[in-house]
PDB file of N, CA and C in Angstrom:
ATOM      1  N   UNK A   1      69.065  93.436 127.581  1.00  0.00           N
ATOM      2  CA  UNK A   1      70.056  93.474 128.637  1.00  0.00           C
ATOM      3  C   UNK A   1      69.548  94.168 129.885  1.00  0.00           C
ATOM      4  N   UNK A   2      68.405  94.814 129.790  1.00  0.00           N
ATOM      5  CA  UNK A   2      67.798  95.483 130.926  1.00  0.00           C
ATOM      6  C   UNK A   2      66.393  94.921 131.114  1.00  0.00           C
ATOM      7  N   UNK A   3      66.106  94.474 132.327  1.00  0.00           N
ATOM      8  CA  UNK A   3      64.811  93.887 132.629  1.00  0.00           C
ATOM      9  C   UNK A   3      64.189  94.646 133.789  1.00  0.00           C
ATOM     10  N   UNK A   4      63.132  95.405 133.496  1.00  0.00           N
ATOM     11  CA  UNK A   4      62.441  96.189 134.516  1.00  0.00           C
ATOM     12  C   UNK A   4      61.280  95.397 135.099  1.00  0.00           C
ATOM     13  N   UNK A   5      61.025  95.621 136.377  1.00  0.00           N
ATOM     14  CA  UNK A   5      59.917  94.953 137.052  1.00  0.00           C
ATOM     15  C   UNK A   5      59.469  95.788 138.232  1.00  0.00           C
ATOM     16  N   UNK A   6      58.345  95.398 138.827  1.00  0.00           N
ATOM     17  CA  UNK A   6      57.874  96.057 140.031  1.00  0.00           C
ATOM     18  C   UNK A   6      56.690  96.976 139.856  1.00  0.00           C
ATOM     19  N   UNK A   7      56.252  97.169 138.635  1.00  0.00           N
ATOM     20  CA  UNK A   7      55.110  98.035 138.410  1.00  0.00           C
ATOM     21  C   UNK A   7      53.825  97.401 138.923  1.00  0.00           C
ATOM     22  N   UNK A   8      52.759  98.196 138.929  1.00  0.00           N
ATOM     23  CA  UNK A   8      51.475  97.684 139.381  1.00  0.00           C
ATOM     24  C   UNK A   8      50.478  98.796 139.582  1.00  0.00           C
ATOM     25  N   UNK A   9      49.384  98.432 140.244  1.00  0.00           N
ATOM     26  CA  UNK A   9      48.313  99.383 140.542  1.00  0.00           C
ATOM     27  C   UNK A   9      48.387  99.756 142.019  1.00  0.00           C
ATOM     28  N   UNK A  10      48.354 101.043 142.293  1.00  0.00           N
ATOM     29  CA  UNK A  10      48.441 101.512 143.669  1.00  0.00           C
ATOM     30  C   UNK A  10      47.554 102.739 143.830  1.00  0.00           C
ATOM     31  N   UNK A  11      47.043 102.939 145.036  1.00  0.00           N
ATOM     32  CA  UNK A  11      46.235 104.122 145.300  1.00  0.00           C
ATOM     33  C   UNK A  11      47.116 105.349 145.495  1.00  0.00           C
ATOM     34  N   UNK A  12      46.548 106.494 145.238  1.00  0.00           N
ATOM     35  CA  UNK A  12      47.272 107.742 145.461  1.00  0.00           C
ATOM     36  C   UNK A  12      47.765 107.804 146.908  1.00  0.00           C
ATOM     37  N   UNK A  13      48.998 108.248 147.064  1.00  0.00           N
ATOM     38  CA  UNK A  13      49.617 108.298 148.371  1.00  0.00           C
ATOM     39  C   UNK A  13      50.412 107.060 148.713  1.00  0.00           C
ATOM     40  N   UNK A  14      50.265 106.018 147.915  1.00  0.00           N
ATOM     41  CA  UNK A  14      50.963 104.772 148.147  1.00  0.00           C
ATOM     42  C   UNK A  14      52.374 104.776 147.594  1.00  0.00           C
ATOM     43  N   UNK A  15      53.010 103.602 147.680  1.00  0.00           N
ATOM     44  CA  UNK A  15      54.406 103.452 147.257  1.00  0.00           C
ATOM     45  C   UNK A  15      54.575 102.221 146.385  1.00  0.00           C
ATOM     46  N   UNK A  16      55.562 102.289 145.524  1.00  0.00           N
ATOM     47  CA  UNK A  16      56.002 101.160 144.714  1.00  0.00           C
ATOM     48  C   UNK A  16      57.504 101.237 144.578  1.00  0.00           C
ATOM     49  N   UNK A  17      58.132 100.073 144.383  1.00  0.00           N
ATOM     50  CA  UNK A  17      59.574 100.054 144.147  1.00  0.00           C
ATOM     51  C   UNK A  17      59.834  99.288 142.862  1.00  0.00           C
ATOM     52  N   UNK A  18      60.409  99.988 141.910  1.00  0.00           N
ATOM     53  CA  UNK A  18      60.772  99.381 140.641  1.00  0.00           C
ATOM     54  C   UNK A  18      62.201  98.869 140.696  1.00  0.00           C
ATOM     55  N   UNK A  19      62.452  97.811 139.951  1.00  0.00           N
ATOM     56  CA  UNK A  19      63.795  97.249 139.847  1.00  0.00           C
ATOM     57  C   UNK A  19      64.160  97.111 138.381  1.00  0.00           C
ATOM     58  N   UNK A  20      65.435  97.226 138.103  1.00  0.00           N
ATOM     59  CA  UNK A  20      65.936  97.030 136.748  1.00  0.00           C
ATOM     60  C   UNK A  20      67.210  96.208 136.851  1.00  0.00           C
ATOM     61  N   UNK A  21      67.144  94.996 136.336  1.00  0.00           N
ATOM     62  CA  UNK A  21      68.293  94.103 136.363  1.00  0.00           C
ATOM     63  C   UNK A  21      69.052  94.232 135.055  1.00  0.00           C
ATOM     64  N   UNK A  22      70.327  94.556 135.158  1.00  0.00           N
ATOM     65  CA  UNK A  22      71.174  94.690 133.980  1.00  0.00           C
ATOM     66  C   UNK A  22      72.013  93.437 133.829  1.00  0.00           C
ATOM     67  N   UNK A  23      72.136  92.959 132.613  1.00  0.00           N
ATOM     68  CA  UNK A  23      72.927  91.760 132.377  1.00  0.00           C
ATOM     69  C   UNK A  23      73.829  91.961 131.176  1.00  0.00           C
ATOM     70  N   UNK A  24      74.864  91.219 131.124  1.00  0.00           N
ATOM     71  CA  UNK A  24      75.742  91.241 129.965  1.00  0.00           C
ATOM     72  C   UNK A  24      76.974  92.101 130.114  1.00  0.00           C
ATOM     73  N   UNK A  25      76.881  93.151 130.925  1.00  0.00           N
ATOM     74  CA  UNK A  25      78.028  94.031 131.100  1.00  0.00           C
ATOM     75  C   UNK A  25      77.748  94.975 132.263  1.00  0.00           C
ATOM     76  N   UNK A  26      78.769  95.701 132.660  1.00  0.00           N
ATOM     77  CA  UNK A  26      78.606  96.729 133.685  1.00  0.00           C
ATOM     78  C   UNK A  26      78.304  98.046 133.006  1.00  0.00           C
ATOM     79  N   UNK A  27      77.314  98.741 133.506  1.00  0.00           N
ATOM     80  CA  UNK A  27      76.914 100.003 132.923  1.00  0.00           C
ATOM     81  C   UNK A  27      77.354 101.164 133.797  1.00  0.00           C
ATOM     82  N   UNK A  28      77.553 102.300 133.183  1.00  0.00           N
ATOM     83  CA  UNK A  28      77.934 103.507 133.907  1.00  0.00           C
ATOM     84  C   UNK A  28      76.675 104.151 134.478  1.00  0.00           C
ATOM     85  N   UNK A  29      76.244 105.238 133.943  1.00  0.00           N
ATOM     86  CA  UNK A  29      75.023 105.886 134.421  1.00  0.00           C
ATOM     87  C   UNK A  29      73.793 105.050 134.053  1.00  0.00           C
ATOM     88  N   UNK A  30      72.877 104.944 135.005  1.00  0.00           N
ATOM     89  CA  UNK A  30      71.595 104.285 134.742  1.00  0.00           C
ATOM     90  C   UNK A  30      70.476 105.243 135.125  1.00  0.00           C
ATOM     91  N   UNK A  31      69.382 105.108 134.422  1.00  0.00           N
ATOM     92  CA  UNK A  31      68.296 106.046 134.668  1.00  0.00           C
ATOM     93  C   UNK A  31      66.932 105.429 134.489  1.00  0.00           C
ATOM     94  N   UNK A  32      65.936 106.204 134.887  1.00  0.00           N
ATOM     95  CA  UNK A  32      64.538 105.851 134.682  1.00  0.00           C
ATOM     96  C   UNK A  32      63.857 106.964 133.905  1.00  0.00           C
ATOM     97  N   UNK A  33      63.060 106.579 132.963  1.00  0.00           N
ATOM     98  CA  UNK A  33      62.205 107.487 132.209  1.00  0.00           C
ATOM     99  C   UNK A  33      60.774 106.968 132.298  1.00  0.00           C
ATOM    100  N   UNK A  34      59.827 107.801 131.948  1.00  0.00           N
ATOM    101  CA  UNK A  34      58.433 107.338 131.936  1.00  0.00           C
ATOM    102  C   UNK A  34      57.684 107.946 130.771  1.00  0.00           C
ATOM    103  N   UNK A  35      56.648 107.237 130.356  1.00  0.00           N
ATOM    104  CA  UNK A  35      55.835 107.696 129.235  1.00  0.00           C
ATOM    105  C   UNK A  35      54.373 107.460 129.556  1.00  0.00           C
ATOM    106  N   UNK A  36      53.649 108.550 129.689  1.00  0.00           N
ATOM    107  CA  UNK A  36      52.215 108.485 129.912  1.00  0.00           C
ATOM    108  C   UNK A  36      51.498 108.356 128.573  1.00  0.00           C
ATOM    109  N   UNK A  37      50.276 107.838 128.567  1.00  0.00           N
ATOM    110  CA  UNK A  37      49.538 107.673 127.308  1.00  0.00           C
ATOM    111  C   UNK A  37      49.427 108.986 126.539  1.00  0.00           C
ATOM    112  N   UNK A  38      49.793 108.939 125.281  1.00  0.00           N
ATOM    113  CA  UNK A  38      49.683 110.111 124.430  1.00  0.00           C
ATOM    114  C   UNK A  38      50.728 111.168 124.649  1.00  0.00           C
ATOM    115  N   UNK A  39      51.726 110.874 125.482  1.00  0.00           N
ATOM    116  CA  UNK A  39      52.759 111.863 125.782  1.00  0.00           C
ATOM    117  C   UNK A  39      54.137 111.326 125.435  1.00  0.00           C
ATOM    118  N   UNK A  40      55.109 112.219 125.408  1.00  0.00           N
ATOM    119  CA  UNK A  40      56.474 111.818 125.130  1.00  0.00           C
ATOM    120  C   UNK A  40      57.104 111.165 126.364  1.00  0.00           C
ATOM    121  N   UNK A  41      58.136 110.386 126.104  1.00  0.00           N
ATOM    122  CA  UNK A  41      58.893 109.787 127.192  1.00  0.00           C
ATOM    123  C   UNK A  41      59.748 110.872 127.859  1.00  0.00           C
ATOM    124  N   UNK A  42      59.703 110.933 129.170  1.00  0.00           N
ATOM    125  CA  UNK A  42      60.416 111.976 129.891  1.00  0.00           C
ATOM    126  C   UNK A  42      61.315 111.401 130.983  1.00  0.00           C
ATOM    127  N   UNK A  43      62.303 112.171 131.336  1.00  0.00           N
ATOM    128  CA  UNK A  43      63.284 111.796 132.345  1.00  0.00           C
ATOM    129  C   UNK A  43      62.647 111.775 133.730  1.00  0.00           C
ATOM    130  N   UNK A  44      63.037 110.777 134.524  1.00  0.00           N
ATOM    131  CA  UNK A  44      62.579 110.693 135.912  1.00  0.00           C
ATOM    132  C   UNK A  44      63.753 110.837 136.875  1.00  0.00           C
ATOM    133  N   UNK A  45      64.766 109.994 136.704  1.00  0.00           N
ATOM    134  CA  UNK A  45      65.900 110.020 137.624  1.00  0.00           C
ATOM    135  C   UNK A  45      67.082 109.302 136.996  1.00  0.00           C
ATOM    136  N   UNK A  46      68.281 109.634 137.465  1.00  0.00           N
ATOM    137  CA  UNK A  46      69.479 108.951 137.009  1.00  0.00           C
ATOM    138  C   UNK A  46      70.466 108.856 138.148  1.00  0.00           C
ATOM    139  N   UNK A  47      71.394 107.900 138.030  1.00  0.00           N
ATOM    140  CA  UNK A  47      72.399 107.693 139.063  1.00  0.00           C
ATOM    141  C   UNK A  47      73.676 107.213 138.399  1.00  0.00           C
ATOM    142  N   UNK A  48      74.816 107.739 138.845  1.00  0.00           N
ATOM    143  CA  UNK A  48      76.085 107.328 138.262  1.00  0.00           C
ATOM    144  C   UNK A  48      76.572 106.035 138.904  1.00  0.00           C
ATOM    145  N   UNK A  49      77.617 105.471 138.340  1.00  0.00           N
ATOM    146  CA  UNK A  49      78.055 104.129 138.749  1.00  0.00           C
ATOM    147  C   UNK A  49      78.383 104.059 140.234  1.00  0.00           C
ATOM    148  N   UNK A  50      79.055 105.074 140.749  1.00  0.00           N
ATOM    149  CA  UNK A  50      79.462 105.046 142.159  1.00  0.00           C
ATOM    150  C   UNK A  50      78.306 105.316 143.111  1.00  0.00           C
ATOM    151  N   UNK A  51      77.177 105.714 142.567  1.00  0.00           N
ATOM    152  CA  UNK A  51      76.004 106.075 143.366  1.00  0.00           C
ATOM    153  C   UNK A  51      76.235 107.317 144.210  1.00  0.00           C
ATOM    154  N   UNK A  52      77.295 108.037 143.940  1.00  0.00           N
ATOM    155  CA  UNK A  52      77.592 109.237 144.715  1.00  0.00           C
ATOM    156  C   UNK A  52      76.831 110.447 144.200  1.00  0.00           C
ATOM    157  N   UNK A  53      76.203 110.318 143.045  1.00  0.00           N
ATOM    158  CA  UNK A  53      75.464 111.440 142.472  1.00  0.00           C
ATOM    159  C   UNK A  53      74.204 110.929 141.799  1.00  0.00           C
ATOM    160  N   UNK A  54      73.095 111.580 142.082  1.00  0.00           N
ATOM    161  CA  UNK A  54      71.823 111.241 141.459  1.00  0.00           C
ATOM    162  C   UNK A  54      71.118 112.520 141.046  1.00  0.00           C
ATOM    163  N   UNK A  55      70.256 112.396 140.077  1.00  0.00           N
ATOM    164  CA  UNK A  55      69.538 113.556 139.548  1.00  0.00           C
ATOM    165  C   UNK A  55      68.070 113.176 139.385  1.00  0.00           C
ATOM    166  N   UNK A  56      67.188 114.143 139.594  1.00  0.00           N
ATOM    167  CA  UNK A  56      65.758 113.878 139.541  1.00  0.00           C
ATOM    168  C   UNK A  56      65.023 114.946 138.750  1.00  0.00           C
ATOM    169  N   UNK A  57      63.944 114.534 138.129  1.00  0.00           N
ATOM    170  CA  UNK A  57      63.036 115.514 137.537  1.00  0.00           C
ATOM    171  C   UNK A  57      62.361 116.293 138.664  1.00  0.00           C
ATOM    172  N   UNK A  58      62.063 117.540 138.415  1.00  0.00           N
ATOM    173  CA  UNK A  58      61.437 118.367 139.449  1.00  0.00           C
ATOM    174  C   UNK A  58      60.134 117.759 139.958  1.00  0.00           C
ATOM    175  N   UNK A  59      59.422 117.102 139.080  1.00  0.00           N
ATOM    176  CA  UNK A  59      58.114 116.564 139.437  1.00  0.00           C
ATOM    177  C   UNK A  59      58.172 115.414 140.438  1.00  0.00           C
ATOM    178  N   UNK A  60      59.352 114.810 140.597  1.00  0.00           N
ATOM    179  CA  UNK A  60      59.459 113.665 141.515  1.00  0.00           C
ATOM    180  C   UNK A  60      60.409 113.919 142.676  1.00  0.00           C
ATOM    181  N   UNK A  61      61.083 115.051 142.686  1.00  0.00           N
ATOM    182  CA  UNK A  61      62.023 115.355 143.773  1.00  0.00           C
ATOM    183  C   UNK A  61      61.316 115.323 145.121  1.00  0.00           C
ATOM    184  N   UNK A  62      61.963 114.668 146.063  1.00  0.00           N
ATOM    185  CA  UNK A  62      61.388 114.559 147.396  1.00  0.00           C
ATOM    186  C   UNK A  62      60.432 113.391 147.559  1.00  0.00           C
ATOM    187  N   UNK A  63      60.051 112.760 146.454  1.00  0.00           N
ATOM    188  CA  UNK A  63      59.134 111.614 146.524  1.00  0.00           C
ATOM    189  C   UNK A  63      59.780 110.322 146.034  1.00  0.00           C
ATOM    190  N   UNK A  64      60.629 110.416 145.023  1.00  0.00           N
ATOM    191  CA  UNK A  64      61.268 109.239 144.442  1.00  0.00           C
ATOM    192  C   UNK A  64      62.735 109.196 144.858  1.00  0.00           C
ATOM    193  N   UNK A  65      63.236 107.980 144.997  1.00  0.00           N
ATOM    194  CA  UNK A  65      64.650 107.779 145.305  1.00  0.00           C
ATOM    195  C   UNK A  65      65.215 106.715 144.377  1.00  0.00           C
ATOM    196  N   UNK A  66      66.290 107.066 143.667  1.00  0.00           N
ATOM    197  CA  UNK A  66      66.969 106.109 142.817  1.00  0.00           C
ATOM    198  C   UNK A  66      68.185 105.585 143.553  1.00  0.00           C
ATOM    199  N   UNK A  67      68.444 104.300 143.399  1.00  0.00           N
ATOM    200  CA  UNK A  67      69.604 103.691 144.036  1.00  0.00           C
ATOM    201  C   UNK A  67      70.087 102.542 143.157  1.00  0.00           C
ATOM    202  N   UNK A  68      71.261 102.041 143.465  1.00  0.00           N
ATOM    203  CA  UNK A  68      71.782 100.919 142.694  1.00  0.00           C
ATOM    204  C   UNK A  68      72.683 100.062 143.569  1.00  0.00           C
ATOM    205  N   UNK A  69      72.706  98.784 143.271  1.00  0.00           N
ATOM    206  CA  UNK A  69      73.624  97.850 143.901  1.00  0.00           C
ATOM    207  C   UNK A  69      74.403  97.196 142.772  1.00  0.00           C
ATOM    208  N   UNK A  70      75.624  97.627 142.584  1.00  0.00           N
ATOM    209  CA  UNK A  70      76.416  97.158 141.451  1.00  0.00           C
ATOM    210  C   UNK A  70      76.726  95.666 141.546  1.00  0.00           C
ATOM    211  N   UNK A  71      76.874  95.166 142.757  1.00  0.00           N
ATOM    212  CA  UNK A  71      77.158  93.740 142.918  1.00  0.00           C
ATOM    213  C   UNK A  71      76.022  92.890 142.367  1.00  0.00           C
ATOM    214  N   UNK A  72      74.814  93.458 142.353  1.00  0.00           N
ATOM    215  CA  UNK A  72      73.641  92.755 141.824  1.00  0.00           C
ATOM    216  C   UNK A  72      73.247  93.242 140.437  1.00  0.00           C
ATOM    217  N   UNK A  73      74.014  94.203 139.930  1.00  0.00           N
ATOM    218  CA  UNK A  73      73.708  94.796 138.619  1.00  0.00           C
ATOM    219  C   UNK A  73      72.259  95.277 138.560  1.00  0.00           C
ATOM    220  N   UNK A  74      71.812  95.899 139.622  1.00  0.00           N
ATOM    221  CA  UNK A  74      70.415  96.302 139.704  1.00  0.00           C
ATOM    222  C   UNK A  74      70.303  97.765 140.110  1.00  0.00           C
ATOM    223  N   UNK A  75      69.395  98.467 139.467  1.00  0.00           N
ATOM    224  CA  UNK A  75      69.049  99.827 139.851  1.00  0.00           C
ATOM    225  C   UNK A  75      67.590  99.834 140.298  1.00  0.00           C
ATOM    226  N   UNK A  76      67.307 100.624 141.300  1.00  0.00           N
ATOM    227  CA  UNK A  76      65.972 100.668 141.878  1.00  0.00           C
ATOM    228  C   UNK A  76      65.384 102.075 141.788  1.00  0.00           C
ATOM    229  N   UNK A  77      64.071 102.136 141.797  1.00  0.00           N
ATOM    230  CA  UNK A  77      63.384 103.418 141.902  1.00  0.00           C
ATOM    231  C   UNK A  77      62.295 103.262 142.958  1.00  0.00           C
ATOM    232  N   UNK A  78      62.554 103.829 144.131  1.00  0.00           N
ATOM    233  CA  UNK A  78      61.556 103.828 145.197  1.00  0.00           C
ATOM    234  C   UNK A  78      60.636 105.021 144.984  1.00  0.00           C
ATOM    235  N   UNK A  79      59.363 104.749 144.809  1.00  0.00           N
ATOM    236  CA  UNK A  79      58.394 105.799 144.509  1.00  0.00           C
ATOM    237  C   UNK A  79      57.420 105.918 145.675  1.00  0.00           C
ATOM    238  N   UNK A  80      57.433 107.060 146.322  1.00  0.00           N
ATOM    239  CA  UNK A  80      56.571 107.314 147.467  1.00  0.00           C
ATOM    240  C   UNK A  80      55.595 108.439 147.160  1.00  0.00           C
ATOM    241  N   UNK A  81      54.561 108.529 147.967  1.00  0.00           N
ATOM    242  CA  UNK A  81      53.553 109.590 147.809  1.00  0.00           C
ATOM    243  C   UNK A  81      53.094 109.692 146.364  1.00  0.00           C
ATOM    244  N   UNK A  82      52.766 108.569 145.797  1.00  0.00           N
ATOM    245  CA  UNK A  82      52.409 108.525 144.380  1.00  0.00           C
ATOM    246  C   UNK A  82      51.139 109.304 144.098  1.00  0.00           C
ATOM    247  N   UNK A  83      51.110 109.909 142.926  1.00  0.00           N
ATOM    248  CA  UNK A  83      49.991 110.714 142.475  1.00  0.00           C
ATOM    249  C   UNK A  83      49.443 110.128 141.176  1.00  0.00           C
ATOM    250  N   UNK A  84      48.183 110.394 140.868  1.00  0.00           N
ATOM    251  CA  UNK A  84      47.640 109.894 139.597  1.00  0.00           C
ATOM    252  C   UNK A  84      48.464 110.323 138.380  1.00  0.00           C
ATOM    253  N   UNK A  85      49.069 111.484 138.447  1.00  0.00           N
ATOM    254  CA  UNK A  85      49.868 111.958 137.310  1.00  0.00           C
ATOM    255  C   UNK A  85      51.188 111.204 137.173  1.00  0.00           C
ATOM    256  N   UNK A  86      51.512 110.328 138.115  1.00  0.00           N
ATOM    257  CA  UNK A  86      52.682 109.466 137.979  1.00  0.00           C
ATOM    258  C   UNK A  86      52.377 108.234 137.130  1.00  0.00           C
ATOM    259  N   UNK A  87      51.122 108.041 136.778  1.00  0.00           N
ATOM    260  CA  UNK A  87      50.734 106.904 135.956  1.00  0.00           C
ATOM    261  C   UNK A  87      51.443 106.957 134.607  1.00  0.00           C
ATOM    262  N   UNK A  88      52.137 105.878 134.285  1.00  0.00           N
ATOM    263  CA  UNK A  88      52.919 105.826 133.051  1.00  0.00           C
ATOM    264  C   UNK A  88      53.574 104.455 132.940  1.00  0.00           C
ATOM    265  N   UNK A  89      54.144 104.208 131.782  1.00  0.00           N
ATOM    266  CA  UNK A  89      55.061 103.081 131.628  1.00  0.00           C
ATOM    267  C   UNK A  89      56.452 103.602 131.983  1.00  0.00           C
ATOM    268  N   UNK A  90      57.113 102.900 132.875  1.00  0.00           N
ATOM    269  CA  UNK A  90      58.430 103.309 133.341  1.00  0.00           C
ATOM    270  C   UNK A  90      59.493 102.445 132.667  1.00  0.00           C
ATOM    271  N   UNK A  91      60.504 103.114 132.126  1.00  0.00           N
ATOM    272  CA  UNK A  91      61.573 102.443 131.414  1.00  0.00           C
ATOM    273  C   UNK A  91      62.901 102.690 132.127  1.00  0.00           C
ATOM    274  N   UNK A  92      63.705 101.649 132.248  1.00  0.00           N
ATOM    275  CA  UNK A  92      65.067 101.866 132.721  1.00  0.00           C
ATOM    276  C   UNK A  92      65.983 101.965 131.510  1.00  0.00           C
ATOM    277  N   UNK A  93      67.059 102.685 131.702  1.00  0.00           N
ATOM    278  CA  UNK A  93      68.012 102.942 130.632  1.00  0.00           C
ATOM    279  C   UNK A  93      69.424 102.935 131.191  1.00  0.00           C
ATOM    280  N   UNK A  94      70.391 102.679 130.311  1.00  0.00           N
ATOM    281  CA  UNK A  94      71.772 102.589 130.773  1.00  0.00           C
ATOM    282  C   UNK A  94      72.744 103.115 129.737  1.00  0.00           C
ATOM    283  N   UNK A  95      73.831 103.670 130.247  1.00  0.00           N
ATOM    284  CA  UNK A  95      74.930 104.137 129.405  1.00  0.00           C
ATOM    285  C   UNK A  95      76.109 103.199 129.563  1.00  0.00           C
ATOM    286  N   UNK A  96      76.862 103.020 128.466  1.00  0.00           N
ATOM    287  CA  UNK A  96      78.074 102.209 128.560  1.00  0.00           C
ATOM    288  C   UNK A  96      79.173 102.956 129.301  1.00  0.00           C
ATOM    289  N   UNK A  97      79.290 104.263 129.064  1.00  0.00           N
ATOM    290  CA  UNK A  97      80.397 105.026 129.624  1.00  0.00           C
ATOM    291  C   UNK A  97      79.884 106.251 130.378  1.00  0.00           C
ATOM    292  N   UNK A  98      80.724 106.775 131.228  1.00  0.00           N
ATOM    293  CA  UNK A  98      80.373 107.952 132.010  1.00  0.00           C
ATOM    294  C   UNK A  98      80.355 109.178 131.099  1.00  0.00           C
ATOM    295  N   UNK A  99      79.259 109.943 131.164  1.00  0.00           N
ATOM    296  CA  UNK A  99      79.146 111.114 130.315  1.00  0.00           C
ATOM    297  C   UNK A  99      78.931 112.401 131.079  1.00  0.00           C
ATOM    298  N   UNK A 100      79.012 112.314 132.418  1.00  0.00           N
ATOM    299  CA  UNK A 100      78.783 113.498 133.225  1.00  0.00           C
ATOM    300  C   UNK A 100      77.740 113.216 134.280  1.00  0.00           C
ATOM    301  N   UNK A 101      77.595 114.101 135.258  1.00  0.00           N
ATOM    302  CA  UNK A 101      76.694 113.848 136.381  1.00  0.00           C
ATOM    303  C   UNK A 101      75.220 114.018 136.054  1.00  0.00           C
ATOM    304  N   UNK A 102      74.916 114.653 134.930  1.00  0.00           N
ATOM    305  CA  UNK A 102      73.520 114.905 134.581  1.00  0.00           C
ATOM    306  C   UNK A 102      73.233 114.325 133.207  1.00  0.00           C
ATOM    307  N   UNK A 103      72.428 113.301 133.173  1.00  0.00           N
ATOM    308  CA  UNK A 103      72.060 112.626 131.934  1.00  0.00           C
ATOM    309  C   UNK A 103      70.539 112.570 131.864  1.00  0.00           C
ATOM    310  N   UNK A 104      69.926 113.545 131.221  1.00  0.00           N
ATOM    311  CA  UNK A 104      68.471 113.644 131.198  1.00  0.00           C
ATOM    312  C   UNK A 104      67.852 113.372 129.840  1.00  0.00           C
ATOM    313  N   UNK A 105      68.653 113.248 128.819  1.00  0.00           N
ATOM    314  CA  UNK A 105      68.114 113.083 127.473  1.00  0.00           C
ATOM    315  C   UNK A 105      68.155 111.623 127.047  1.00  0.00           C
ATOM    316  N   UNK A 106      67.135 111.197 126.344  1.00  0.00           N
ATOM    317  CA  UNK A 106      67.055 109.811 125.896  1.00  0.00           C
ATOM    318  C   UNK A 106      68.239 109.429 125.033  1.00  0.00           C
ATOM    319  N   UNK A 107      68.723 110.347 124.213  1.00  0.00           N
ATOM    320  CA  UNK A 107      69.804 110.031 123.287  1.00  0.00           C
ATOM    321  C   UNK A 107      71.113 109.757 124.020  1.00  0.00           C
ATOM    322  N   UNK A 108      71.176 110.099 125.282  1.00  0.00           N
ATOM    323  CA  UNK A 108      72.399 109.889 126.053  1.00  0.00           C
ATOM    324  C   UNK A 108      72.515 108.463 126.592  1.00  0.00           C
ATOM    325  N   UNK A 109      71.503 107.665 126.382  1.00  0.00           N
ATOM    326  CA  UNK A 109      71.499 106.293 126.873  1.00  0.00           C
ATOM    327  C   UNK A 109      71.607 105.302 125.712  1.00  0.00           C
ATOM    328  N   UNK A 110      72.344 104.214 125.973  1.00  0.00           N
ATOM    329  CA  UNK A 110      72.627 103.238 124.936  1.00  0.00           C
ATOM    330  C   UNK A 110      71.673 102.051 124.956  1.00  0.00           C
ATOM    331  N   UNK A 111      71.139 101.720 126.109  1.00  0.00           N
ATOM    332  CA  UNK A 111      70.308 100.533 126.256  1.00  0.00           C
ATOM    333  C   UNK A 111      69.019 100.889 126.990  1.00  0.00           C
ATOM    334  N   UNK A 112      67.956 100.162 126.623  1.00  0.00           N
ATOM    335  CA  UNK A 112      66.645 100.404 127.218  1.00  0.00           C
ATOM    336  C   UNK A 112      65.982  99.087 127.601  1.00  0.00           C
ATOM    337  N   UNK A 113      65.281  99.124 128.723  1.00  0.00           N
ATOM    338  CA  UNK A 113      64.474  97.992 129.128  1.00  0.00           C
ATOM    339  C   UNK A 113      63.115  98.024 128.460  1.00  0.00           C
ATOM    340  N   UNK A 114      62.303  97.029 128.751  1.00  0.00           N
ATOM    341  CA  UNK A 114      61.022  96.870 128.054  1.00  0.00           C
ATOM    342  C   UNK A 114      59.903  97.693 128.672  1.00  0.00           C
ATOM    343  N   UNK A 115      60.088  98.240 129.850  1.00  0.00           N
ATOM    344  CA  UNK A 115      59.056  99.059 130.474  1.00  0.00           C
ATOM    345  C   UNK A 115      58.182  98.268 131.427  1.00  0.00           C
ATOM    346  N   UNK A 116      57.734  98.945 132.468  1.00  0.00           N
ATOM    347  CA  UNK A 116      56.810  98.345 133.426  1.00  0.00           C
ATOM    348  C   UNK A 116      55.724  99.375 133.740  1.00  0.00           C
ATOM    349  N   UNK A 117      54.472  98.928 133.751  1.00  0.00           N
ATOM    350  CA  UNK A 117      53.337  99.831 133.911  1.00  0.00           C
ATOM    351  C   UNK A 117      53.118 100.183 135.380  1.00  0.00           C
ATOM    352  N   UNK A 118      52.987 101.470 135.647  1.00  0.00           N
ATOM    353  CA  UNK A 118      52.620 101.970 136.967  1.00  0.00           C
ATOM    354  C   UNK A 118      51.312 102.731 136.826  1.00  0.00           C
ATOM    355  N   UNK A 119      50.310 102.326 137.570  1.00  0.00           N
ATOM    356  CA  UNK A 119      49.017 102.986 137.539  1.00  0.00           C
ATOM    357  C   UNK A 119      48.655 103.437 138.944  1.00  0.00           C
ATOM    358  N   UNK A 120      48.380 104.724 139.083  1.00  0.00           N
ATOM    359  CA  UNK A 120      48.035 105.293 140.381  1.00  0.00           C
ATOM    360  C   UNK A 120      46.583 105.755 140.317  1.00  0.00           C
ATOM    361  N   UNK A 121      45.752 105.164 141.150  1.00  0.00           N
ATOM    362  CA  UNK A 121      44.333 105.524 141.149  1.00  0.00           C
ATOM    363  C   UNK A 121      44.062 106.618 142.174  1.00  0.00           C
ATOM    364  N   UNK A 122      43.079 107.439 141.859  1.00  0.00           N
ATOM    365  CA  UNK A 122      42.758 108.563 142.759  1.00  0.00           C
ATOM    366  C   UNK A 122      41.727 108.169 143.803  1.00  0.00           C
TER     367      UNK A 122
END
């Protein structure tokens, strides 16, 4: 029900914009997580249905922007000033119901996309 796209190879300092198309139903909070090789999947950003509140991991604050267009059932992650340590598979996730303004744990999400690879070269 979640289809992520937009990943690729980019040089350090560059930008990428990820998209996640949701189908089948309307979701409440949507988020992005990432998993680097050999590491656990970690929270990147989340946004509530109204888009009036968003939350970010400290490592991406000021560089990444999460947004959503409900009419298109799509959530985006604009990634700027990319660093090699941003290299990971990025996953979008969604909740069926509103659970609060801060949703950083994987268990708080009901649906997951297949992931899209982001590689940042130095």
